Protein backbone atom coordinates (compact mmCIF):
# COMPACT_ATOMS: atom_id res chain seq x y z
CA MET A 1 84.52 -170.40 182.45
CA ARG A 2 85.36 -170.20 178.74
CA ARG A 3 81.68 -169.65 177.95
CA MET A 4 81.76 -166.43 179.93
CA ILE A 5 84.98 -164.95 178.53
CA LEU A 6 83.88 -164.34 174.93
CA PRO A 7 80.51 -162.72 175.80
CA SER A 8 82.21 -160.60 178.45
CA LEU A 9 84.89 -159.40 176.04
CA THR A 10 82.25 -158.67 173.40
CA ALA A 11 80.21 -156.61 175.85
CA VAL A 12 83.26 -154.63 176.96
CA ALA A 13 84.28 -153.97 173.33
CA LEU A 14 80.78 -152.76 172.41
CA PHE A 15 80.57 -150.54 175.47
CA ALA A 16 83.98 -148.99 174.79
CA ALA A 17 83.20 -148.39 171.10
CA THR A 18 80.00 -146.41 171.76
CA GLY A 19 81.94 -143.38 173.01
CA ALA A 20 83.98 -143.18 169.82
CA TYR A 21 81.12 -142.18 167.54
CA ALA A 22 80.70 -138.56 166.56
CA ALA A 23 77.33 -136.88 166.76
CA GLN A 24 76.05 -133.94 164.74
CA ALA A 25 73.98 -130.88 165.49
CA THR A 26 72.75 -128.06 163.28
CA GLY A 27 71.54 -124.60 164.11
CA SER A 28 72.35 -120.92 164.07
CA ILE A 29 75.22 -119.52 166.11
CA LYS A 30 73.73 -117.67 169.08
CA SER A 31 77.05 -116.61 170.63
CA MET A 32 80.79 -117.25 170.57
CA ASP A 33 83.43 -116.82 173.26
CA ALA A 34 86.92 -116.68 171.77
CA LYS A 35 88.65 -116.70 175.18
CA ALA A 36 86.77 -119.76 176.42
CA HIS A 37 86.82 -121.38 172.93
CA THR A 38 83.07 -122.05 173.03
CA LEU A 39 80.25 -121.78 170.53
CA THR A 40 76.57 -121.72 171.52
CA LEU A 41 73.80 -122.63 169.09
CA ASP A 42 70.32 -121.12 169.09
CA ASN A 43 68.98 -124.19 170.95
CA GLY A 44 71.36 -123.46 173.88
CA THR A 45 73.81 -126.28 173.22
CA VAL A 46 77.40 -125.24 174.00
CA PHE A 47 80.34 -126.72 172.10
CA SER A 48 84.03 -126.47 172.99
CA ILE A 49 86.19 -125.56 170.00
CA PRO A 50 89.82 -126.77 170.06
CA ALA A 51 92.24 -123.84 170.32
CA LYS A 52 94.16 -125.05 167.27
CA GLN A 53 90.94 -125.06 165.20
CA GLY A 54 90.04 -121.52 166.21
CA MET A 55 86.82 -119.66 165.52
CA GLY A 56 87.80 -118.75 161.97
CA LYS A 57 85.31 -116.67 160.02
CA MET A 58 82.24 -117.84 161.95
CA LYS A 59 79.65 -115.15 162.66
CA THR A 60 76.72 -114.85 165.05
CA GLY A 61 73.51 -115.82 163.25
CA GLU A 62 75.26 -118.10 160.75
CA LYS A 63 73.74 -121.57 160.21
CA VAL A 64 76.27 -124.33 160.89
CA LYS A 65 76.59 -128.09 161.23
CA VAL A 66 78.72 -129.15 164.20
CA THR A 67 80.25 -132.62 164.41
CA TYR A 68 81.26 -133.41 167.98
CA GLN A 69 82.15 -136.03 170.58
CA ASP A 70 81.20 -136.05 174.24
CA LYS A 71 84.36 -135.95 176.38
CA GLY A 72 84.37 -135.30 180.09
CA GLY A 73 80.77 -134.11 180.05
CA LYS A 74 81.46 -131.53 177.33
CA HIS A 75 80.55 -131.44 173.63
CA MET A 76 83.96 -131.23 171.94
CA ALA A 77 83.58 -130.01 168.35
CA THR A 78 85.63 -131.82 165.75
CA SER A 79 84.18 -129.89 162.81
CA VAL A 80 82.08 -126.75 162.30
CA VAL A 81 80.80 -126.29 158.74
CA PRO A 82 78.59 -123.47 157.38
CA GLN A 83 75.23 -124.60 155.97
C-alpha cells in the first residue's frame, strides 16, 4: 500500500501543476471587442482580456506578444506587450 501512495501523489501533483504554466503567442491584432473584453490575433486565436487590465492603447494591426493561461476553455491573457 505504501508503495502506491508516493507514486500516486507524485502523479497528481504533476498533473495539477501542468495547468499553471503560462503560454505565449505572437501576432498582429486582427480585431478587438472592448465590450466583450476580447482580442483576436491574425491567426484567429481569441484571447479574453481581464476588465481591470483593459485594452489600453492597443491598435488593430499592431504586433503583440500575448502571455496567457487556459481557463475554462478560454485563453485568458495575463499580459499583452507590443513587439
